[in-house]
Amino acid sequence: MGTEDGTTGTPDFDPGQFIDAAKDTLTIRRVYGEAYEHEGTLVIPVAKVAGCLGTGVGRGGDDDGASAEGRGGGFGALVRPLGVFVVDEKGVHWQPAIDVNRAVLVGQLVFGTVLVVGIVAAKAAGVLRRPGGRGCWKKAMTRTLAGAVRGGR
């Protein structure tokens, strides 16, 4: 069983294809998008670009003595808008992009932290009581402190 590269069982694989894809994706054109003009103002979009490229080759055999070879690769990129440079009669200005998902996540983390700190502080101050009885935590602390003042009795 032959394939495009003349070997048996191994499809045609060219690592150069992945390198070319990486070169095309991770260029300055991706970070600074095509500038455009709107009502006499030049707008230049800016994004953060990150990418990863991997290729590999493997050879081995099984218990029956048959050998096998495998080759492959992959490429991924992450592009996140950062904002735009605006060039007008006043000069060059930076307008950041707002990431609503990140803003919501930060708000949730702050709310959760405030909630946990508030509950801990309320328990420490005796405002919240254990469900086992009326003020049993506060009474236990009072007895402990009174015993320490009286000399451990």
Protein backbone atom coordinates (compact mmCIF):
# COMPACT_ATOMS: atom_id res chain seq x y z
CA MET A 1 0.00 0.00 0.00
CA GLY A 2 1.79 3.13 -1.19
CA THR A 3 1.01 6.75 -0.49
CA GLU A 4 1.83 10.10 -1.99
CA ASP A 5 5.35 10.21 -0.55
CA GLY A 6 6.25 6.74 -1.79
CA THR A 7 6.37 5.04 1.64
CA THR A 8 3.97 2.46 2.91
CA GLY A 9 1.35 3.51 5.39
CA THR A 10 2.58 7.08 5.90
CA PRO A 11 0.61 9.93 4.31
CA ASP A 12 2.50 12.79 2.70
CA PHE A 13 3.64 15.24 5.36
CA ASP A 14 5.58 18.42 4.75
CA PRO A 15 6.70 20.30 7.91
CA GLY A 16 7.38 23.32 5.70
CA GLN A 17 3.61 23.76 5.30
CA PHE A 18 3.26 24.39 9.03
CA ILE A 19 6.21 26.76 9.09
CA ASP A 20 4.70 28.73 6.19
CA ALA A 21 1.36 28.87 8.03
CA ALA A 22 3.13 30.18 11.14
CA LYS A 23 4.98 32.81 9.13
CA ASP A 24 1.73 33.94 7.56
CA THR A 25 -0.18 34.06 10.84
CA LEU A 26 2.43 35.55 13.16
CA THR A 27 3.24 38.64 11.14
CA ILE A 28 3.06 42.34 11.85
CA ARG A 29 -0.10 42.42 9.70
CA ARG A 30 -1.88 40.42 12.40
CA VAL A 31 -0.84 42.80 15.17
CA TYR A 32 -1.30 46.05 13.29
CA GLY A 33 -4.33 45.43 11.08
CA GLU A 34 -5.04 47.23 7.85
CA ALA A 35 -5.36 50.92 8.60
CA TYR A 36 -8.52 52.61 7.37
CA GLU A 37 -9.82 56.14 7.23
CA HIS A 38 -13.18 57.17 8.69
CA GLU A 39 -14.45 60.77 8.41
CA GLY A 40 -10.95 62.19 8.07
CA THR A 41 -9.54 60.11 10.94
CA LEU A 42 -7.00 57.32 10.41
CA VAL A 43 -7.71 54.21 12.51
CA ILE A 44 -5.03 51.50 13.04
CA PRO A 45 -6.25 48.35 14.85
CA VAL A 46 -3.84 46.55 17.22
CA ALA A 47 -4.07 42.97 18.53
CA LYS A 48 -1.99 40.63 20.67
CA VAL A 49 -0.92 37.55 18.73
CA ALA A 50 0.48 34.31 20.21
CA GLY A 51 1.14 31.07 18.41
CA CYS A 52 2.63 27.63 18.75
CA LEU A 53 3.94 25.18 16.17
CA GLY A 54 4.82 21.54 16.68
CA THR A 55 5.88 18.67 14.45
CA GLY A 56 7.09 15.20 15.17
CA VAL A 57 8.21 11.88 13.73
CA GLY A 58 7.99 8.50 15.37
CA ARG A 59 9.18 5.02 14.50
CA GLY A 60 8.55 1.80 16.26
CA GLY A 61 7.39 -1.74 15.97
CA ASP A 62 5.01 -4.18 17.51
CA ASP A 63 5.55 -7.61 19.10
CA ASP A 64 5.13 -9.33 15.72
CA GLY A 65 8.16 -7.54 14.27
CA ALA A 66 6.20 -5.19 12.04
CA SER A 67 7.59 -1.67 11.93
CA ALA A 68 5.61 1.53 11.74
CA GLU A 69 6.37 5.17 11.17
CA GLY A 70 4.27 8.23 11.89
CA ARG A 71 4.68 11.91 11.22
CA GLY A 72 2.49 14.87 12.04
CA GLY A 73 2.23 18.38 13.22
CA GLY A 74 -0.07 21.16 14.23
CA PHE A 75 -0.30 24.88 14.63
CA GLY A 76 -2.45 27.13 16.76
CA ALA A 77 -2.75 30.86 17.27
CA LEU A 78 -4.55 33.17 19.68
CA VAL A 79 -5.41 36.70 18.59
CA ARG A 80 -6.89 39.18 21.08
CA PRO A 81 -7.82 42.76 20.18
CA LEU A 82 -6.06 45.38 22.30
CA GLY A 83 -7.40 48.60 20.81
CA VAL A 84 -6.75 51.11 18.06
CA PHE A 85 -4.44 54.02 17.37
CA VAL A 86 -6.46 57.01 16.21
CA VAL A 87 -4.65 59.63 14.12
CA ASP A 88 -6.57 62.89 13.73
CA GLU A 89 -5.89 66.63 13.65
CA LYS A 90 -5.12 66.55 17.42
CA GLY A 91 -2.38 63.91 17.03
CA VAL A 92 -2.12 60.19 17.80
CA HIS A 93 -4.38 58.74 20.52
CA TRP A 94 -4.73 55.22 21.95
CA GLN A 95 -8.24 53.79 22.38
CA PRO A 96 -8.14 50.48 24.30
CA ALA A 97 -10.57 47.68 23.48
CA ILE A 98 -12.78 46.61 26.38
CA ASP A 99 -12.89 42.87 27.07
CA VAL A 100 -16.36 42.44 28.61
CA ASN A 101 -15.73 38.79 29.57
CA ARG A 102 -12.60 39.73 31.53
CA ALA A 103 -14.43 42.61 33.26
CA VAL A 104 -17.27 40.29 34.33
CA LEU A 105 -14.81 37.67 35.61
CA VAL A 106 -12.89 40.25 37.67
CA GLY A 107 -16.18 41.53 39.11
CA GLN A 108 -17.20 38.01 40.11
CA LEU A 109 -13.83 37.36 41.76
CA VAL A 110 -13.99 40.61 43.72
CA PHE A 111 -17.58 39.89 44.83
CA GLY A 112 -16.65 36.35 45.94
CA THR A 113 -13.62 37.59 47.88
CA VAL A 114 -15.64 40.30 49.64
CA LEU A 115 -18.35 37.76 50.48
CA VAL A 116 -15.90 35.26 52.02
CA VAL A 117 -14.03 37.94 53.97
CA GLY A 118 -17.36 39.32 55.24
CA ILE A 119 -18.54 35.93 56.45
CA VAL A 120 -15.23 35.22 58.20
CA ALA A 121 -15.25 38.66 59.85
CA ALA A 122 -18.89 38.24 60.95
CA LYS A 123 -18.13 34.85 62.51
CA ALA A 124 -15.08 36.27 64.29
CA ALA A 125 -17.14 39.16 65.65
CA GLY A 126 -19.86 36.80 66.88
CA VAL A 127 -22.54 38.17 64.57
CA LEU A 128 -23.07 34.76 62.97
CA ARG A 129 -23.79 31.92 65.34
CA ARG A 130 -23.51 28.22 64.89
CA PRO A 131 -26.75 26.41 64.11
CA GLY A 132 -26.26 24.09 67.13
CA GLY A 133 -27.54 26.58 69.67
CA ARG A 134 -27.94 30.20 70.58
CA GLY A 135 -24.53 31.75 70.80
CA CYS A 136 -22.70 28.53 71.65
CA TRP A 137 -19.54 29.79 69.91
CA LYS A 138 -19.73 33.08 71.78
CA LYS A 139 -20.39 31.32 75.11
CA ALA A 140 -17.46 28.96 74.57
CA MET A 141 -15.14 31.86 73.86
CA THR A 142 -16.43 33.74 76.93
CA ARG A 143 -15.79 30.70 79.16
CA THR A 144 -12.32 30.22 77.69
CA LEU A 145 -11.39 33.85 78.22
CA ALA A 146 -12.86 33.91 81.74
CA GLY A 147 -10.89 30.78 82.65
CA ALA A 148 -7.69 32.34 81.37
CA VAL A 149 -8.29 35.48 83.44
CA ARG A 150 -9.04 33.45 86.63
CA GLY A 151 -5.86 31.42 86.29
CA GLY A 152 -7.02 28.43 84.30
CA ARG A 153 -9.93 27.23 86.47
